[in-house]
Amino acid sequence: MTDQPNKPTLPLPTVSYKKTTTMSSPPPPPPTFFQSSVVKGFAYSWVAVQIAEIATLPVDVCKVRLQLEGELGAARRYNHIGDALVKISRQEGVSALWKGLGAALWRQTVYGTTRYGSYEPVKKALGVDGNGDSPMWKKILAGCISGGGSSFIANPFDMVKIRLQADTATDAALRRHNGVFGALKDIVRSDGVLKLWRGATPTVTRAAVGGMSELSVYDEIKQQLIAREIVTSGLPLHVTCALSAGLFSCFCMNPFDVAKSRIMNQRPDSQGVLKYSGMLDCFQKSVQAEGITSLWKGFFASYARIGPRVVIIFLTIEQLKERFG
């Protein structure tokens, strides 16, 4: 075999590799104070509770009057919520249905805003999973903390609201108190600052029970309906959850609501003795004089207020969240 001539070898092309660096996008700036989810939650809650309070206050006035009806055997003035609406309008004027509006709005500024605004932060502090869900006991505890704590702070305005709503006098000179701050001054002057928290036990208990039953039930029903794909979004979901939560919480709260109204509205007799020494004493005397059903006096009026009120609050909060984040 003959040797083949060597073929010239061509130089291989050289490939130069340039070190490329990927530019990562800068981290988003931290949210400002007003962009914070917690601040937004409180702001949305404030808007929602103010709208709901103005819309449902006439029913609240009737509820307070019905809860005070026939107290310890006294004569009755109203037969039911419809009768109360008509008689109050005729005897005291339509504007009487909004008695205590100033105190109610101040109360909701403190109580309602804090109750609804603090629920999610408290629930998250107790621990949630990656989807933001948590077991039922954490929802109940979060509702209890947010409801009870906010109610204790707002107790003075709650007392003033009930006294103004219970006052049937049409002549300004005969009224028990003159406005919100006039009532606060009267109470402090006659009884001392601490008396602004008279009835705090049933008030805080009512709010804690309401927070446990309303907020947690709304949260749980919503979670279950979405998970089972029964109702997943929109108005039907929010209305179903709100009405169900409102009915359950109304039934649980009513006995404490009756005790709260009676204790806060009571006046000392000629010897300076009050009718009730506390919540349990109020329960006992009411049941002895009027029967066990007295603890659910004003229930239908209460739900006529709480049902629409809860719908308005949760719908407003949900819509604000969708619109502004």
Protein backbone atom coordinates (compact mmCIF):
# COMPACT_ATOMS: atom_id res chain seq x y z
CA MET A 1 0.00 0.00 0.00
CA THR A 2 1.22 3.35 -0.86
CA ASP A 3 1.16 6.13 1.62
CA GLN A 4 -1.48 8.75 0.98
CA PRO A 5 -0.23 12.27 0.83
CA ASN A 6 -0.89 14.21 3.97
CA LYS A 7 -3.88 16.53 3.59
CA PRO A 8 -3.41 19.96 4.91
CA THR A 9 -5.25 20.43 8.20
CA LEU A 10 -7.46 23.43 8.44
CA PRO A 11 -7.40 25.37 11.67
CA LEU A 12 -10.51 24.93 13.76
CA PRO A 13 -12.54 28.06 14.24
CA THR A 14 -12.17 29.51 17.65
CA VAL A 15 -15.33 30.30 19.52
CA SER A 16 -15.13 32.96 22.11
CA TYR A 17 -17.55 32.70 25.02
CA LYS A 18 -18.50 35.98 26.58
CA LYS A 19 -19.48 35.93 30.18
CA THR A 20 -22.97 37.26 30.29
CA THR A 21 -24.57 38.50 33.43
CA THR A 22 -28.33 38.53 33.86
CA MET A 23 -29.67 41.72 35.32
CA SER A 24 -32.21 40.89 38.03
CA SER A 25 -35.11 43.27 38.42
CA PRO A 26 -34.87 45.39 41.52
CA PRO A 27 -37.09 44.31 44.40
CA PRO A 28 -40.39 46.14 44.60
CA PRO A 29 -40.43 49.02 47.04
CA PRO A 30 -41.99 48.23 50.39
CA PRO A 31 -45.63 49.28 50.68
CA THR A 32 -46.29 52.67 52.14
CA PHE A 33 -48.33 53.10 55.29
CA PHE A 34 -51.57 53.54 53.34
CA GLN A 35 -50.77 50.57 51.07
CA SER A 36 -50.39 48.18 54.01
CA SER A 37 -52.96 45.37 53.98
CA VAL A 38 -53.63 45.93 57.69
CA VAL A 39 -54.30 49.66 57.23
CA LYS A 40 -56.51 48.93 54.22
CA GLY A 41 -58.42 46.37 56.26
CA PHE A 42 -59.19 48.92 58.97
CA ALA A 43 -60.11 51.58 56.38
CA TYR A 44 -62.45 49.25 54.50
CA SER A 45 -64.03 48.18 57.78
CA TRP A 46 -64.64 51.80 58.82
CA VAL A 47 -66.41 52.61 55.55
CA ALA A 48 -68.50 49.42 55.73
CA VAL A 49 -69.68 49.81 59.33
CA GLN A 50 -70.63 53.46 58.89
CA ILE A 51 -72.81 52.67 55.86
CA ALA A 52 -74.38 49.69 57.62
CA GLU A 53 -75.07 51.64 60.84
CA ILE A 54 -76.86 54.50 59.08
CA ALA A 55 -78.94 52.08 56.99
CA THR A 56 -80.06 49.86 59.89
CA LEU A 57 -80.32 52.29 62.82
CA PRO A 58 -84.15 52.58 62.73
CA VAL A 59 -84.39 48.84 63.32
CA ASP A 60 -81.82 49.14 66.11
CA VAL A 61 -83.94 51.77 67.86
CA CYS A 62 -86.93 49.43 67.69
CA LYS A 63 -84.83 46.53 68.94
CA VAL A 64 -83.71 48.47 72.04
CA ARG A 65 -87.28 49.56 72.79
CA LEU A 66 -88.57 45.98 72.43
CA GLN A 67 -85.81 44.63 74.69
CA LEU A 68 -86.86 47.09 77.38
CA GLU A 69 -90.56 46.24 76.90
CA GLY A 70 -92.38 44.80 79.89
CA GLU A 71 -89.19 44.97 81.95
CA LEU A 72 -89.78 43.06 85.22
CA GLY A 73 -93.53 43.12 84.65
CA ALA A 74 -93.89 46.75 83.45
CA ALA A 75 -96.58 47.66 80.91
CA ARG A 76 -95.87 46.98 77.26
CA ARG A 77 -96.00 49.70 74.60
CA TYR A 78 -95.06 47.86 71.42
CA ASN A 79 -96.30 44.52 70.12
CA HIS A 80 -93.66 43.86 67.46
CA ILE A 81 -91.12 45.62 65.27
CA GLY A 82 -93.71 46.90 62.79
CA ASP A 83 -95.82 48.32 65.60
CA ALA A 84 -92.74 49.97 67.12
CA LEU A 85 -91.76 51.57 63.80
CA VAL A 86 -95.25 53.04 63.33
CA LYS A 87 -95.72 54.27 66.92
CA ILE A 88 -92.27 55.83 67.20
CA SER A 89 -92.75 57.64 63.89
CA ARG A 90 -96.19 58.94 64.84
CA GLN A 91 -95.49 59.87 68.46
CA GLU A 92 -91.90 61.15 68.22
CA GLY A 93 -91.44 61.92 64.55
CA VAL A 94 -89.62 59.99 61.81
CA SER A 95 -86.28 61.44 62.89
CA ALA A 96 -86.67 59.56 66.20
CA LEU A 97 -85.87 56.37 64.30
CA TRP A 98 -82.32 57.69 64.03
CA LYS A 99 -81.99 58.57 67.72
CA GLY A 100 -78.47 58.05 68.96
CA LEU A 101 -76.98 58.28 65.45
CA GLY A 102 -73.98 60.30 66.63
CA ALA A 103 -73.18 57.86 69.42
CA ALA A 104 -73.77 54.93 67.05
CA LEU A 105 -71.27 56.27 64.50
CA TRP A 106 -68.69 57.00 67.20
CA ARG A 107 -69.22 53.50 68.57
CA GLN A 108 -68.76 51.93 65.14
CA THR A 109 -65.65 54.03 64.52
CA VAL A 110 -64.09 52.34 67.54
CA TYR A 111 -65.90 49.01 67.81
CA GLY A 112 -66.87 48.05 64.27
CA THR A 113 -63.67 49.25 62.64
CA THR A 114 -61.47 47.44 65.16
CA ARG A 115 -63.62 44.31 65.23
CA TYR A 116 -63.62 43.70 61.48
CA GLY A 117 -60.25 45.30 60.79
CA SER A 118 -58.33 43.27 63.36
CA TYR A 119 -59.86 39.86 62.59
CA GLU A 120 -57.54 38.96 59.70
CA PRO A 121 -54.33 40.19 61.41
CA VAL A 122 -55.23 38.29 64.59
CA LYS A 123 -56.06 35.15 62.60
CA LYS A 124 -52.75 35.37 60.74
CA ALA A 125 -50.90 35.88 64.02
CA LEU A 126 -52.45 32.65 65.30
CA GLY A 127 -51.17 30.88 62.19
CA VAL A 128 -52.55 30.13 58.70
CA ASP A 129 -51.50 27.74 55.94
CA GLY A 130 -50.11 28.64 52.53
CA ASN A 131 -53.59 29.39 51.18
CA GLY A 132 -54.43 31.67 54.08
CA ASP A 133 -56.78 29.11 55.66
CA SER A 134 -56.80 28.05 59.30
CA PRO A 135 -58.67 25.54 61.48
CA MET A 136 -62.04 26.53 62.93
CA TRP A 137 -60.76 27.00 66.49
CA LYS A 138 -58.33 29.68 65.34
CA LYS A 139 -61.12 31.53 63.54
CA ILE A 140 -63.28 31.35 66.68
CA LEU A 141 -60.44 32.61 68.87
CA ALA A 142 -59.60 35.43 66.44
CA GLY A 143 -63.25 36.51 66.37
CA CYS A 144 -63.45 36.40 70.17
CA ILE A 145 -60.32 38.54 70.60
CA SER A 146 -61.25 41.12 67.96
CA GLY A 147 -64.88 41.37 69.10
CA GLY A 148 -64.36 41.43 72.87
CA GLY A 149 -61.40 43.79 72.87
CA SER A 150 -62.98 46.36 70.56
CA SER A 151 -66.26 46.27 72.48
CA PHE A 152 -64.59 47.05 75.80
CA ILE A 153 -62.94 50.15 74.30
CA ALA A 154 -66.22 51.35 72.78
CA ASN A 155 -68.39 50.72 75.86
CA PRO A 156 -68.95 54.43 76.74
CA PHE A 157 -70.42 55.16 73.30
CA ASP A 158 -72.53 52.00 73.50
CA MET A 159 -74.04 53.15 76.80
CA VAL A 160 -74.81 56.62 75.42
CA LYS A 161 -76.36 55.15 72.27
CA ILE A 162 -78.77 52.95 74.24
CA ARG A 163 -79.80 55.76 76.58
CA LEU A 164 -80.50 58.12 73.68
CA GLN A 165 -82.46 55.44 71.80
CA ALA A 166 -84.51 54.50 74.86
CA ASP A 167 -85.47 58.13 75.59
CA THR A 168 -89.07 58.72 74.45
CA ALA A 169 -89.26 62.42 75.36
CA THR A 170 -90.11 64.73 72.46
CA ASP A 171 -89.40 67.93 74.40
CA ALA A 172 -85.66 68.68 74.51
CA ALA A 173 -85.98 70.02 78.05
CA LEU A 174 -87.30 66.66 79.27
CA ARG A 175 -84.69 64.49 77.62
CA ARG A 176 -82.34 62.49 79.79
CA HIS A 177 -79.23 63.68 77.94
CA ASN A 178 -78.42 66.31 75.36
CA GLY A 179 -76.36 64.70 72.63
CA VAL A 180 -73.39 62.35 72.71
CA PHE A 181 -70.86 64.45 74.57
CA GLY A 182 -73.52 65.94 76.80
CA ALA A 183 -74.42 62.40 77.88
CA LEU A 184 -70.78 61.53 78.52
CA LYS A 185 -70.40 64.64 80.69
CA ASP A 186 -73.61 63.85 82.60
CA ILE A 187 -72.49 60.30 83.37
CA VAL A 188 -69.01 61.36 84.49
CA ARG A 189 -70.38 64.21 86.59
CA SER A 190 -72.99 62.12 88.39
CA ASP A 191 -71.36 58.69 88.60
CA GLY A 192 -67.66 59.06 87.81
CA VAL A 193 -65.50 58.02 84.86
CA LEU A 194 -65.60 54.30 85.63
CA LYS A 195 -69.39 54.26 85.24
CA LEU A 196 -68.85 54.78 81.52
CA TRP A 197 -68.06 51.06 81.55
CA ARG A 198 -71.28 50.07 83.31
CA GLY A 199 -72.61 46.99 81.55
CA ALA A 200 -69.18 46.15 80.17
CA THR A 201 -69.52 42.48 81.18
CA PRO A 202 -72.57 41.68 79.01
CA THR A 203 -71.33 44.05 76.31
CA VAL A 204 -67.92 42.40 76.01
CA THR A 205 -69.44 38.93 76.34
CA ARG A 206 -71.99 39.74 73.63
CA ALA A 207 -69.28 41.07 71.32
CA ALA A 208 -66.99 38.13 71.97
CA VAL A 209 -69.81 35.68 71.27
CA GLY A 210 -70.78 37.69 68.21
CA GLY A 211 -67.23 37.77 66.91
CA MET A 212 -66.81 34.05 67.54
CA SER A 213 -70.06 33.16 65.80
CA GLU A 214 -70.30 35.75 63.04
CA LEU A 215 -66.76 36.22 61.74
CA SER A 216 -65.70 32.59 62.09
CA VAL A 217 -68.95 31.21 60.63
CA TYR A 218 -68.78 33.60 57.66
CA ASP A 219 -65.15 32.64 57.07
CA GLU A 220 -65.83 28.90 57.39
CA ILE A 221 -68.97 28.84 55.23
CA LYS A 222 -67.20 30.83 52.53
CA GLN A 223 -64.21 28.47 52.61
CA GLN A 224 -66.43 25.35 52.42
CA LEU A 225 -68.65 26.68 49.62
CA ILE A 226 -65.62 27.55 47.50
CA ALA A 227 -63.81 24.29 48.25
CA ARG A 228 -66.87 22.21 47.31
CA GLU A 229 -67.51 24.45 44.26
CA ILE A 230 -71.10 25.06 45.34
CA VAL A 231 -70.80 28.83 45.04
CA THR A 232 -67.37 30.13 44.15
CA SER A 233 -67.61 33.90 43.86
CA GLY A 234 -69.74 36.96 43.46
CA LEU A 235 -72.86 38.29 45.14
CA PRO A 236 -74.55 34.91 45.84
CA LEU A 237 -71.50 33.70 47.78
CA HIS A 238 -71.21 36.80 49.95
CA VAL A 239 -74.96 37.11 50.63
CA THR A 240 -75.30 33.41 51.55
CA CYS A 241 -72.36 33.57 53.95
CA ALA A 242 -73.44 36.87 55.50
CA LEU A 243 -77.09 35.90 56.12
CA SER A 244 -76.11 32.52 57.58
CA ALA A 245 -73.48 34.05 59.86
CA GLY A 246 -75.85 36.84 60.90
CA LEU A 247 -78.64 34.44 61.89
CA PHE A 248 -76.35 32.24 63.96
CA SER A 249 -74.63 35.13 65.74
CA CYS A 250 -77.95 36.89 66.39
CA PHE A 251 -79.34 33.85 68.21
CA CYS A 252 -76.16 33.47 70.28
CA MET A 253 -75.88 37.18 71.18
CA ASN A 254 -79.49 38.03 71.99
CA PRO A 255 -79.51 37.13 75.74
CA PHE A 256 -76.39 39.22 76.32
CA ASP A 257 -77.85 42.01 74.18
CA VAL A 258 -80.98 42.13 76.36
CA ALA A 259 -78.89 42.24 79.55
CA LYS A 260 -76.67 44.95 78.07
CA SER A 261 -79.62 47.16 77.10
CA ARG A 262 -81.29 46.82 80.50
CA ILE A 263 -78.17 47.36 82.59
CA MET A 264 -77.01 50.37 80.59
CA ASN A 265 -80.46 51.99 80.60
CA GLN A 266 -81.33 51.40 84.29
CA ARG A 267 -81.81 54.28 86.70
CA PRO A 268 -81.50 54.14 90.49
CA ASP A 269 -84.75 54.20 92.45
CA SER A 270 -85.65 56.76 95.13
CA GLN A 271 -83.21 55.08 97.52
CA GLY A 272 -80.39 55.05 94.98
CA VAL A 273 -80.59 51.28 94.34
CA LEU A 274 -80.23 49.92 90.81
CA LYS A 275 -82.46 47.16 89.43
CA TYR A 276 -79.58 44.89 88.49
CA SER A 277 -76.22 44.33 90.14
CA GLY A 278 -74.76 42.66 87.09
CA MET A 279 -75.32 40.42 84.09
CA LEU A 280 -76.23 37.24 85.98
CA ASP A 281 -78.58 39.16 88.28
CA CYS A 282 -80.26 40.62 85.20
CA PHE A 283 -80.65 37.15 83.68
CA GLN A 284 -82.15 35.77 86.89
CA LYS A 285 -84.62 38.59 87.50
CA SER A 286 -85.70 38.75 83.85
CA VAL A 287 -86.37 35.01 83.67
CA GLN A 288 -88.21 34.98 87.02
CA ALA A 289 -90.47 37.90 86.08
CA GLU A 290 -90.93 37.34 82.34
CA GLY A 291 -89.89 33.78 81.54
CA ILE A 292 -86.91 32.32 79.67
CA THR A 293 -88.10 33.76 76.37
CA SER A 294 -87.43 37.25 77.74
CA LEU A 295 -83.75 36.65 76.96
CA TRP A 296 -84.66 36.56 73.27
CA LYS A 297 -86.87 39.65 73.33
CA GLY A 298 -86.40 41.69 70.19
CA PHE A 299 -84.87 38.70 68.36
CA PHE A 300 -86.70 39.30 65.08
CA ALA A 301 -85.95 43.02 65.26
CA SER A 302 -82.36 42.13 66.05
CA TYR A 303 -82.05 39.86 63.02
CA ALA A 304 -83.90 42.38 60.87
CA ARG A 305 -80.99 44.65 61.72
CA ILE A 306 -78.10 42.20 61.90
CA GLY A 307 -79.01 40.29 58.71
CA PRO A 308 -78.91 43.29 56.34
CA ARG A 309 -76.13 44.89 58.37
CA VAL A 310 -73.84 41.88 58.01
CA VAL A 311 -74.62 41.69 54.28
CA ILE A 312 -73.80 45.39 53.83
CA ILE A 313 -70.57 45.12 55.82
CA PHE A 314 -69.16 42.02 54.16
CA LEU A 315 -70.27 43.04 50.67
CA THR A 316 -68.68 46.46 51.09
CA ILE A 317 -65.43 45.01 52.44
CA GLU A 318 -65.25 42.38 49.69
CA GLN A 319 -65.95 44.93 46.95
CA LEU A 320 -63.36 47.35 48.33
CA LYS A 321 -60.81 44.53 48.43
CA GLU A 322 -61.52 43.63 44.80
CA ARG A 323 -61.36 47.25 43.72
CA PHE A 324 -58.36 48.51 45.70
CA GLY A 325 -56.56 45.32 46.74
